[in-house]
Amino acid sequence: MSHVDLHLHLLPGVDDGPEDEAASLTHAARLAEDGVHEATVTPHVGHPWFQYDLFSIPSRVRQLQAALDDAGIDVRLQPGGEIYPPAATRLTAAELDVIAHGPPGARWVLLEVPFAGIDEAYLDGCASIRSHGFQLLIGHPERAHGFLAGGFALLREELEAGALLQVNVCSLMGRQGPEAHAGAIRLVREGLASVLGSDGHGGDRGHTLAAGTFAARAAGASPGYARRLTQANPRLLLEHGIPAIDADSRRTAHAGL
């Protein structure tokens, strides 16, 4: 079973990922060599620094997929997006659907945490997305300032509502500073992470999800859990999604993750 990356910046010329198609192909070739053969492409969505038409993401992904196929690079792409937290309350259901994954009734989107720290405004964004009928995969929560000092506690209700956590491989590898490293280790060691993502951008952030298995094992994960974080769980989310659950059901719907 190959690795499945749910957090990857690979589209050329839209954000702080590859500048052009050649750079995208270089990073995609590295993915294939490392056994990452499926990925969602997640450009920043709603970020003031990166201006492009959100509705163009699927066509841009198709164009990049055609280039990969022509180059013989064995990576299958799906359109997605990484939602900038302040934009969460502004996005419409139609916009969210463009970057969502999973079948009807279990559609989900990737929402990153604010680096300055998790606060009530972030939780309002989570609630807004759920009000449109979408569930949440919370991207790299360990990178939020003060995560272990109180930020994680603020996410408890989101987890009880069905949200899942995606931890960055680079955080587990210690490349995002000691606070993110400690947070990532705790989430993996305590079995609170559902998936790992590379958050790869190419260039000097050219690591791939393949490094996640080793990083998770170093953090104390069992061999089986380390594999699930990069292979079985992300594939399960793509195929079956994250169903909405009420407060009484809590997280029993995802006991198998």
C-alpha atoms as a PDB file:
ATOM      1  CA  MET A   1       0.000   0.000   0.000  1.00  0.00           C
ATOM      2  CA  SER A   2       1.376   3.410  -0.968  1.00  0.00           C
ATOM      3  CA  HIS A   3       1.455   6.572   1.100  1.00  0.00           C
ATOM      4  CA  VAL A   4      -1.415   9.044   0.632  1.00  0.00           C
ATOM      5  CA  ASP A   5      -0.598  12.700   1.350  1.00  0.00           C
ATOM      6  CA  LEU A   6      -3.563  14.887   2.333  1.00  0.00           C
ATOM      7  CA  HIS A   7      -1.547  18.100   2.758  1.00  0.00           C
ATOM      8  CA  LEU A   8       0.696  19.030  -0.154  1.00  0.00           C
ATOM      9  CA  HIS A   9       1.540  22.268  -1.975  1.00  0.00           C
ATOM     10  CA  LEU A  10       2.258  21.147  -5.529  1.00  0.00           C
ATOM     11  CA  LEU A  11       0.307  23.456  -7.853  1.00  0.00           C
ATOM     12  CA  PRO A  12       2.689  25.776  -9.689  1.00  0.00           C
ATOM     13  CA  GLY A  13       2.466  29.530  -9.343  1.00  0.00           C
ATOM     14  CA  VAL A  14      -0.469  29.851  -6.936  1.00  0.00           C
ATOM     15  CA  ASP A  15       1.086  30.128  -3.464  1.00  0.00           C
ATOM     16  CA  ASP A  16       4.414  29.529  -1.709  1.00  0.00           C
ATOM     17  CA  GLY A  17       4.791  26.118  -3.328  1.00  0.00           C
ATOM     18  CA  PRO A  18       6.540  25.440  -6.661  1.00  0.00           C
ATOM     19  CA  GLU A  19       7.060  28.514  -8.793  1.00  0.00           C
ATOM     20  CA  ASP A  20       6.493  26.771 -12.118  1.00  0.00           C
ATOM     21  CA  GLU A  21       5.504  23.444 -13.636  1.00  0.00           C
ATOM     22  CA  ALA A  22       9.097  22.245 -13.862  1.00  0.00           C
ATOM     23  CA  ALA A  23       9.496  22.657 -10.096  1.00  0.00           C
ATOM     24  CA  SER A  24       6.191  20.852  -9.539  1.00  0.00           C
ATOM     25  CA  LEU A  25       7.371  17.928 -11.641  1.00  0.00           C
ATOM     26  CA  THR A  26      10.663  17.773  -9.753  1.00  0.00           C
ATOM     27  CA  HIS A  27       8.884  17.465  -6.426  1.00  0.00           C
ATOM     28  CA  ALA A  28       6.303  15.037  -7.825  1.00  0.00           C
ATOM     29  CA  ALA A  29       9.104  12.790  -9.061  1.00  0.00           C
ATOM     30  CA  ARG A  30      10.517  12.773  -5.528  1.00  0.00           C
ATOM     31  CA  LEU A  31       7.092  11.753  -4.210  1.00  0.00           C
ATOM     32  CA  ALA A  32       6.882   8.817  -6.593  1.00  0.00           C
ATOM     33  CA  GLU A  33      10.411   7.687  -5.764  1.00  0.00           C
ATOM     34  CA  ASP A  34       9.497   7.703  -2.061  1.00  0.00           C
ATOM     35  CA  GLY A  35       6.344   5.647  -2.560  1.00  0.00           C
ATOM     36  CA  VAL A  36       3.829   8.493  -2.337  1.00  0.00           C
ATOM     37  CA  HIS A  37       1.530   7.678  -5.247  1.00  0.00           C
ATOM     38  CA  GLU A  38      -1.622   9.579  -4.270  1.00  0.00           C
ATOM     39  CA  ALA A  39      -2.111  13.068  -2.880  1.00  0.00           C
ATOM     40  CA  THR A  40      -4.568  15.891  -2.486  1.00  0.00           C
ATOM     41  CA  VAL A  41      -3.169  19.161  -3.761  1.00  0.00           C
ATOM     42  CA  THR A  42      -3.855  21.794  -1.107  1.00  0.00           C
ATOM     43  CA  PRO A  43      -2.987  25.364  -2.147  1.00  0.00           C
ATOM     44  CA  HIS A  44      -3.674  28.083   0.406  1.00  0.00           C
ATOM     45  CA  VAL A  45      -7.308  29.179   0.184  1.00  0.00           C
ATOM     46  CA  GLY A  46      -8.392  32.654   1.256  1.00  0.00           C
ATOM     47  CA  HIS A  47      -4.910  33.848   2.178  1.00  0.00           C
ATOM     48  CA  PRO A  48      -4.397  37.559   1.375  1.00  0.00           C
ATOM     49  CA  TRP A  49      -0.927  36.897  -0.033  1.00  0.00           C
ATOM     50  CA  PHE A  50      -2.141  34.446  -2.672  1.00  0.00           C
ATOM     51  CA  GLN A  51      -4.796  35.688  -5.055  1.00  0.00           C
ATOM     52  CA  TYR A  52      -6.324  33.287  -7.569  1.00  0.00           C
ATOM     53  CA  ASP A  53      -9.765  31.931  -8.447  1.00  0.00           C
ATOM     54  CA  LEU A  54     -10.671  29.135  -6.029  1.00  0.00           C
ATOM     55  CA  PHE A  55     -12.933  27.602  -8.684  1.00  0.00           C
ATOM     56  CA  SER A  56      -9.883  27.168 -10.937  1.00  0.00           C
ATOM     57  CA  ILE A  57      -8.290  24.600  -8.606  1.00  0.00           C
ATOM     58  CA  PRO A  58      -9.816  21.490 -10.263  1.00  0.00           C
ATOM     59  CA  SER A  59      -8.751  22.561 -13.755  1.00  0.00           C
ATOM     60  CA  ARG A  60      -5.279  23.478 -12.514  1.00  0.00           C
ATOM     61  CA  VAL A  61      -4.974  20.041 -10.920  1.00  0.00           C
ATOM     62  CA  ARG A  62      -6.110  18.352 -14.150  1.00  0.00           C
ATOM     63  CA  GLN A  63      -3.474  20.304 -16.069  1.00  0.00           C
ATOM     64  CA  LEU A  64      -0.758  19.274 -13.618  1.00  0.00           C
ATOM     65  CA  GLN A  65      -1.953  15.662 -13.694  1.00  0.00           C
ATOM     66  CA  ALA A  66      -1.637  15.656 -17.473  1.00  0.00           C
ATOM     67  CA  ALA A  67       1.937  16.936 -17.153  1.00  0.00           C
ATOM     68  CA  LEU A  68       2.723  14.186 -14.629  1.00  0.00           C
ATOM     69  CA  ASP A  69       1.268  11.567 -16.931  1.00  0.00           C
ATOM     70  CA  ASP A  70       3.262  12.876 -19.888  1.00  0.00           C
ATOM     71  CA  ALA A  71       6.417  12.730 -17.762  1.00  0.00           C
ATOM     72  CA  GLY A  72       5.668   9.192 -16.590  1.00  0.00           C
ATOM     73  CA  ILE A  73       5.445  10.212 -12.929  1.00  0.00           C
ATOM     74  CA  ASP A  74       3.217   7.790 -11.002  1.00  0.00           C
ATOM     75  CA  VAL A  75       1.332  10.154  -8.708  1.00  0.00           C
ATOM     76  CA  ARG A  76      -2.444  10.567  -8.768  1.00  0.00           C
ATOM     77  CA  LEU A  77      -3.734  13.979  -7.700  1.00  0.00           C
ATOM     78  CA  GLN A  78      -7.017  15.216  -6.304  1.00  0.00           C
ATOM     79  CA  PRO A  79      -8.045  18.865  -5.918  1.00  0.00           C
ATOM     80  CA  GLY A  80      -8.174  20.291  -2.414  1.00  0.00           C
ATOM     81  CA  GLY A  81      -7.149  23.343  -0.441  1.00  0.00           C
ATOM     82  CA  GLU A  82      -5.745  24.498   2.880  1.00  0.00           C
ATOM     83  CA  ILE A  83      -8.146  27.044   4.330  1.00  0.00           C
ATOM     84  CA  TYR A  84      -6.608  30.147   5.892  1.00  0.00           C
ATOM     85  CA  PRO A  85      -8.335  30.508   9.300  1.00  0.00           C
ATOM     86  CA  PRO A  86      -9.704  34.073   8.906  1.00  0.00           C
ATOM     87  CA  ALA A  87     -11.309  33.017   5.615  1.00  0.00           C
ATOM     88  CA  ALA A  88     -13.308  30.175   7.159  1.00  0.00           C
ATOM     89  CA  THR A  89     -16.331  32.311   8.011  1.00  0.00           C
ATOM     90  CA  ARG A  90     -16.441  33.836   4.515  1.00  0.00           C
ATOM     91  CA  LEU A  91     -16.419  30.705   2.389  1.00  0.00           C
ATOM     92  CA  THR A  92     -19.712  29.555   0.875  1.00  0.00           C
ATOM     93  CA  ALA A  93     -20.927  25.977   0.647  1.00  0.00           C
ATOM     94  CA  ALA A  94     -20.207  26.007  -3.102  1.00  0.00           C
ATOM     95  CA  GLU A  95     -16.641  27.163  -2.510  1.00  0.00           C
ATOM     96  CA  LEU A  96     -16.070  24.578   0.203  1.00  0.00           C
ATOM     97  CA  ASP A  97     -17.382  21.831  -2.054  1.00  0.00           C
ATOM     98  CA  VAL A  98     -14.661  22.586  -4.629  1.00  0.00           C
ATOM     99  CA  ILE A  99     -11.920  21.686  -2.145  1.00  0.00           C
ATOM    100  CA  ALA A 100     -13.774  19.020  -0.124  1.00  0.00           C
ATOM    101  CA  HIS A 101     -13.252  15.267  -0.109  1.00  0.00           C
ATOM    102  CA  GLY A 102     -15.332  12.231   0.727  1.00  0.00           C
ATOM    103  CA  PRO A 103     -18.800  11.071  -0.350  1.00  0.00           C
ATOM    104  CA  PRO A 104     -22.072  12.960   0.186  1.00  0.00           C
ATOM    105  CA  GLY A 105     -22.934  13.185   3.854  1.00  0.00           C
ATOM    106  CA  ALA A 106     -19.290  12.884   4.901  1.00  0.00           C
ATOM    107  CA  ARG A 107     -17.554  15.692   3.016  1.00  0.00           C
ATOM    108  CA  TRP A 108     -14.613  17.314   4.788  1.00  0.00           C
ATOM    109  CA  VAL A 109     -12.109  20.109   4.248  1.00  0.00           C
ATOM    110  CA  LEU A 110      -8.607  20.894   5.525  1.00  0.00           C
ATOM    111  CA  LEU A 111      -8.531  23.911   7.858  1.00  0.00           C
ATOM    112  CA  GLU A 112      -5.161  25.022   9.181  1.00  0.00           C
ATOM    113  CA  VAL A 113      -4.691  26.438  12.660  1.00  0.00           C
ATOM    114  CA  PRO A 114      -3.574  30.053  13.176  1.00  0.00           C
ATOM    115  CA  PHE A 115       0.131  30.147  13.989  1.00  0.00           C
ATOM    116  CA  ALA A 116      -0.520  32.865  16.589  1.00  0.00           C
ATOM    117  CA  GLY A 117      -2.669  30.447  18.587  1.00  0.00           C
ATOM    118  CA  ILE A 118      -6.075  28.811  18.686  1.00  0.00           C
ATOM    119  CA  ASP A 119      -8.761  31.254  19.852  1.00  0.00           C
ATOM    120  CA  GLU A 120     -12.499  31.891  19.745  1.00  0.00           C
ATOM    121  CA  ALA A 121     -12.274  33.361  16.249  1.00  0.00           C
ATOM    122  CA  TYR A 122     -10.804  30.075  15.026  1.00  0.00           C
ATOM    123  CA  LEU A 123     -13.585  28.112  16.706  1.00  0.00           C
ATOM    124  CA  ASP A 124     -16.130  30.402  15.031  1.00  0.00           C
ATOM    125  CA  GLY A 125     -14.552  29.458  11.698  1.00  0.00           C
ATOM    126  CA  CYS A 126     -14.864  25.774  12.529  1.00  0.00           C
ATOM    127  CA  ALA A 127     -18.535  26.255  13.391  1.00  0.00           C
ATOM    128  CA  SER A 128     -19.157  28.174  10.154  1.00  0.00           C
ATOM    129  CA  ILE A 129     -17.725  25.364   8.051  1.00  0.00           C
ATOM    130  CA  ARG A 130     -19.792  22.755   9.893  1.00  0.00           C
ATOM    131  CA  SER A 131     -22.915  24.896   9.398  1.00  0.00           C
ATOM    132  CA  HIS A 132     -22.473  24.395   5.639  1.00  0.00           C
ATOM    133  CA  GLY A 133     -22.473  20.616   6.105  1.00  0.00           C
ATOM    134  CA  PHE A 134     -18.731  19.912   6.038  1.00  0.00           C
ATOM    135  CA  GLN A 135     -16.532  18.199   8.568  1.00  0.00           C
ATOM    136  CA  LEU A 136     -12.998  19.219   9.482  1.00  0.00           C
ATOM    137  CA  LEU A 137      -9.507  17.855   9.190  1.00  0.00           C
ATOM    138  CA  ILE A 138      -7.525  20.272  11.357  1.00  0.00           C
ATOM    139  CA  GLY A 139      -4.136  20.910   9.784  1.00  0.00           C
ATOM    140  CA  HIS A 140      -0.928  20.914  11.857  1.00  0.00           C
ATOM    141  CA  PRO A 141      -2.505  21.908  15.221  1.00  0.00           C
ATOM    142  CA  GLU A 142       0.885  21.420  16.867  1.00  0.00           C
ATOM    143  CA  ARG A 143       2.151  24.534  15.078  1.00  0.00           C
ATOM    144  CA  ALA A 144      -0.293  26.851  16.892  1.00  0.00           C
ATOM    145  CA  HIS A 145       1.476  28.967  19.500  1.00  0.00           C
ATOM    146  CA  GLY A 146       0.603  27.768  22.988  1.00  0.00           C
ATOM    147  CA  PHE A 147      -0.851  24.500  21.741  1.00  0.00           C
ATOM    148  CA  LEU A 148       0.240  22.436  24.730  1.00  0.00           C
ATOM    149  CA  ALA A 149      -0.339  25.285  27.178  1.00  0.00           C
ATOM    150  CA  GLY A 150      -4.042  25.599  26.391  1.00  0.00           C
ATOM    151  CA  GLY A 151      -4.677  25.500  22.653  1.00  0.00           C
ATOM    152  CA  PHE A 152      -5.317  21.780  22.615  1.00  0.00           C
ATOM    153  CA  ALA A 153      -7.955  22.121  25.327  1.00  0.00           C
ATOM    154  CA  LEU A 154      -9.821  24.599  23.113  1.00  0.00           C
ATOM    155  CA  LEU A 155     -10.025  21.946  20.386  1.00  0.00           C
ATOM    156  CA  ARG A 156     -11.713  19.354  22.585  1.00  0.00           C
ATOM    157  CA  GLU A 157     -15.227  20.338  21.517  1.00  0.00           C
ATOM    158  CA  GLU A 158     -14.186  20.227  17.857  1.00  0.00           C
ATOM    159  CA  LEU A 159     -12.899  16.690  18.323  1.00  0.00           C
ATOM    160  CA  GLU A 160     -16.093  15.711  20.099  1.00  0.00           C
ATOM    161  CA  ALA A 161     -18.026  17.098  17.114  1.00  0.00           C
ATOM    162  CA  GLY A 162     -16.072  14.766  14.830  1.00  0.00           C
ATOM    163  CA  ALA A 163     -13.079  16.818  13.684  1.00  0.00           C
ATOM    164  CA  LEU A 164      -9.811  14.931  13.167  1.00  0.00           C
ATOM    165  CA  LEU A 165      -6.195  16.039  13.514  1.00  0.00           C
ATOM    166  CA  GLN A 166      -3.476  16.074  10.836  1.00  0.00           C
ATOM    167  CA  VAL A 167       0.090  16.355  12.134  1.00  0.00           C
ATOM    168  CA  ASN A 168       2.951  17.570   9.954  1.00  0.00           C
ATOM    169  CA  VAL A 169       5.875  15.277   9.245  1.00  0.00           C
ATOM    170  CA  CYS A 170       8.227  18.273   9.445  1.00  0.00           C
ATOM    171  CA  SER A 171       6.972  18.995  12.973  1.00  0.00           C
ATOM    172  CA  LEU A 172       7.692  15.411  14.018  1.00  0.00           C
ATOM    173  CA  MET A 173      11.150  15.757  12.516  1.00  0.00           C
ATOM    174  CA  GLY A 174      11.843  18.844  14.639  1.00  0.00           C
ATOM    175  CA  ARG A 175      12.016  21.234  11.691  1.00  0.00           C
ATOM    176  CA  GLN A 176       9.339  23.634  12.979  1.00  0.00           C
ATOM    177  CA  GLY A 177      10.886  24.426  16.339  1.00  0.00           C
ATOM    178  CA  PRO A 178      10.754  22.797  19.771  1.00  0.00           C
ATOM    179  CA  GLU A 179       7.153  23.738  20.592  1.00  0.00           C
ATOM    180  CA  ALA A 180       5.746  22.192  17.408  1.00  0.00           C
ATOM    181  CA  HIS A 181       8.024  19.190  17.880  1.00  0.00           C
ATOM    182  CA  ALA A 182       6.745  18.580  21.408  1.00  0.00           C
ATOM    183  CA  GLY A 183       3.123  19.005  20.329  1.00  0.00           C
ATOM    184  CA  ALA A 184       3.498  16.615  17.405  1.00  0.00           C
ATOM    185  CA  ILE A 185       5.146  13.975  19.577  1.00  0.00           C
ATOM    186  CA  ARG A 186       2.357  14.193  22.142  1.00  0.00           C
ATOM    187  CA  LEU A 187      -0.402  13.850  19.541  1.00  0.00           C
ATOM    188  CA  VAL A 188       1.254  10.802  17.998  1.00  0.00           C
ATOM    189  CA  ARG A 189       2.361   9.195  21.238  1.00  0.00           C
ATOM    190  CA  GLU A 190      -1.139   9.495  22.719  1.00  0.00           C
ATOM    191  CA  GLY A 191      -2.822   8.265  19.524  1.00  0.00           C
ATOM    192  CA  LEU A 192      -4.630  11.556  18.950  1.00  0.00           C
ATOM    193  CA  ALA A 193      -3.397  12.124  15.391  1.00  0.00           C
ATOM    194  CA  SER A 194      -5.510  10.562  12.639  1.00  0.00           C
ATOM    195  CA  VAL A 195      -3.176  11.248   9.723  1.00  0.00           C
ATOM    196  CA  LEU A 196       0.210  12.708   8.932  1.00  0.00           C
ATOM    197  CA  GLY A 197       0.747  15.152   6.081  1.00  0.00           C
ATOM    198  CA  SER A 198       3.959  16.343   4.501  1.00  0.00           C
ATOM    199  CA  ASP A 199       2.916  19.992   4.035  1.00  0.00           C
ATOM    200  CA  GLY A 200       5.616  19.739   1.396  1.00  0.00           C
ATOM    201  CA  HIS A 201       6.313  22.702  -0.849  1.00  0.00           C
ATOM    202  CA  GLY A 202       9.231  21.453  -2.889  1.00  0.00           C
ATOM    203  CA  GLY A 203      12.540  23.295  -2.940  1.00  0.00           C
ATOM    204  CA  ASP A 204      14.025  23.551   0.541  1.00  0.00           C
ATOM    205  CA  ARG A 205      10.832  21.967   1.923  1.00  0.00           C
ATOM    206  CA  GLY A 206      11.196  18.922  -0.264  1.00  0.00           C
ATOM    207  CA  HIS A 207      10.590  16.208   2.332  1.00  0.00           C
ATOM    208  CA  THR A 208       7.798  13.745   1.531  1.00  0.00           C
ATOM    209  CA  LEU A 209       5.231  11.815   3.534  1.00  0.00           C
ATOM    210  CA  ALA A 210       7.452   8.745   3.344  1.00  0.00           C
ATOM    211  CA  ALA A 211       9.520  10.209   6.181  1.00  0.00           C
ATOM    212  CA  GLY A 212       6.426  10.164   8.372  1.00  0.00           C
ATOM    213  CA  THR A 213       6.542   6.459   9.156  1.00  0.00           C
ATOM    214  CA  PHE A 214      10.039   6.734  10.595  1.00  0.00           C
ATOM    215  CA  ALA A 215       9.273  10.002  12.406  1.00  0.00           C
ATOM    216  CA  ALA A 216       6.148   8.512  13.989  1.00  0.00           C
ATOM    217  CA  ARG A 217       8.067   5.456  15.159  1.00  0.00           C
ATOM    218  CA  ALA A 218      10.699   7.745  16.692  1.00  0.00           C
ATOM    219  CA  ALA A 219       7.879   9.556  18.512  1.00  0.00           C
ATOM    220  CA  GLY A 220       6.711   6.308  20.092  1.00  0.00           C
ATOM    221  CA  ALA A 221       4.073   5.054  17.644  1.00  0.00           C
ATOM    222  CA  SER A 222       3.699   1.326  17.099  1.00  0.00           C
ATOM    223  CA  PRO A 223       4.641   0.046  13.623  1.00  0.00           C
ATOM    224  CA  GLY A 224       0.967  -0.483  12.770  1.00  0.00           C
ATOM    225  CA  TYR A 225      -0.120   2.976  13.915  1.00  0.00           C
ATOM    226  CA  ALA A 226       2.775   4.606  12.062  1.00  0.00           C
ATOM    227  CA  ARG A 227       1.665   2.926   8.829  1.00  0.00           C
ATOM    228  CA  ARG A 228      -1.976   3.827   9.368  1.00  0.00           C
ATOM    229  CA  LEU A 229      -1.050   7.493   9.761  1.00  0.00           C
ATOM    230  CA  THR A 230       0.406   7.668   6.245  1.00  0.00           C
ATOM    231  CA  GLN A 231      -1.423   4.924   4.361  1.00  0.00           C
ATOM    232  CA  ALA A 232      -4.676   3.388   5.591  1.00  0.00           C
ATOM    233  CA  ASN A 233      -6.179   6.363   7.434  1.00  0.00           C
ATOM    234  CA  PRO A 234      -5.746   8.999   4.710  1.00  0.00           C
ATOM    235  CA  ARG A 235      -7.105   6.562   2.117  1.00  0.00           C
ATOM    236  CA  LEU A 236     -10.073   5.868   4.394  1.00  0.00           C
ATOM    237  CA  LEU A 237     -10.793   9.595   4.670  1.00  0.00           C
ATOM    238  CA  LEU A 238     -10.718  10.032   0.907  1.00  0.00           C
ATOM    239  CA  GLU A 239     -13.006   7.084   0.268  1.00  0.00           C
ATOM    240  CA  HIS A 240     -15.391   7.308   3.224  1.00  0.00           C
ATOM    241  CA  GLY A 241     -14.977  10.872   4.473  1.00  0.00           C
ATOM    242  CA  ILE A 242     -15.695  12.173   7.966  1.00  0.00           C
ATOM    243  CA  PRO A 243     -19.384  11.812   8.805  1.00  0.00           C
ATOM    244  CA  ALA A 244     -21.039  14.469  10.915  1.00  0.00           C
ATOM    245  CA  ILE A 245     -21.841  13.246  14.415  1.00  0.00           C
ATOM    246  CA  ASP A 246     -23.911  14.820  17.163  1.00  0.00           C
ATOM    247  CA  ALA A 247     -22.722  15.603  20.655  1.00  0.00           C
ATOM    248  CA  ASP A 248     -24.198  12.395  22.063  1.00  0.00           C
ATOM    249  CA  SER A 249     -22.407  10.201  19.544  1.00  0.00           C
ATOM    250  CA  ARG A 250     -19.103  11.954  20.297  1.00  0.00           C
ATOM    251  CA  ARG A 251     -16.304  10.289  18.335  1.00  0.00           C
ATOM    252  CA  THR A 252     -17.533   6.698  18.216  1.00  0.00           C
ATOM    253  CA  ALA A 253     -17.937   6.964  14.455  1.00  0.00           C
ATOM    254  CA  HIS A 254     -14.152   7.130  14.173  1.00  0.00           C
ATOM    255  CA  ALA A 255     -13.131   4.607  16.782  1.00  0.00           C
ATOM    256  CA  GLY A 256     -11.400   2.617  14.054  1.00  0.00           C
ATOM    257  CA  LEU A 257      -9.029   5.399  13.012  1.00  0.00           C
END
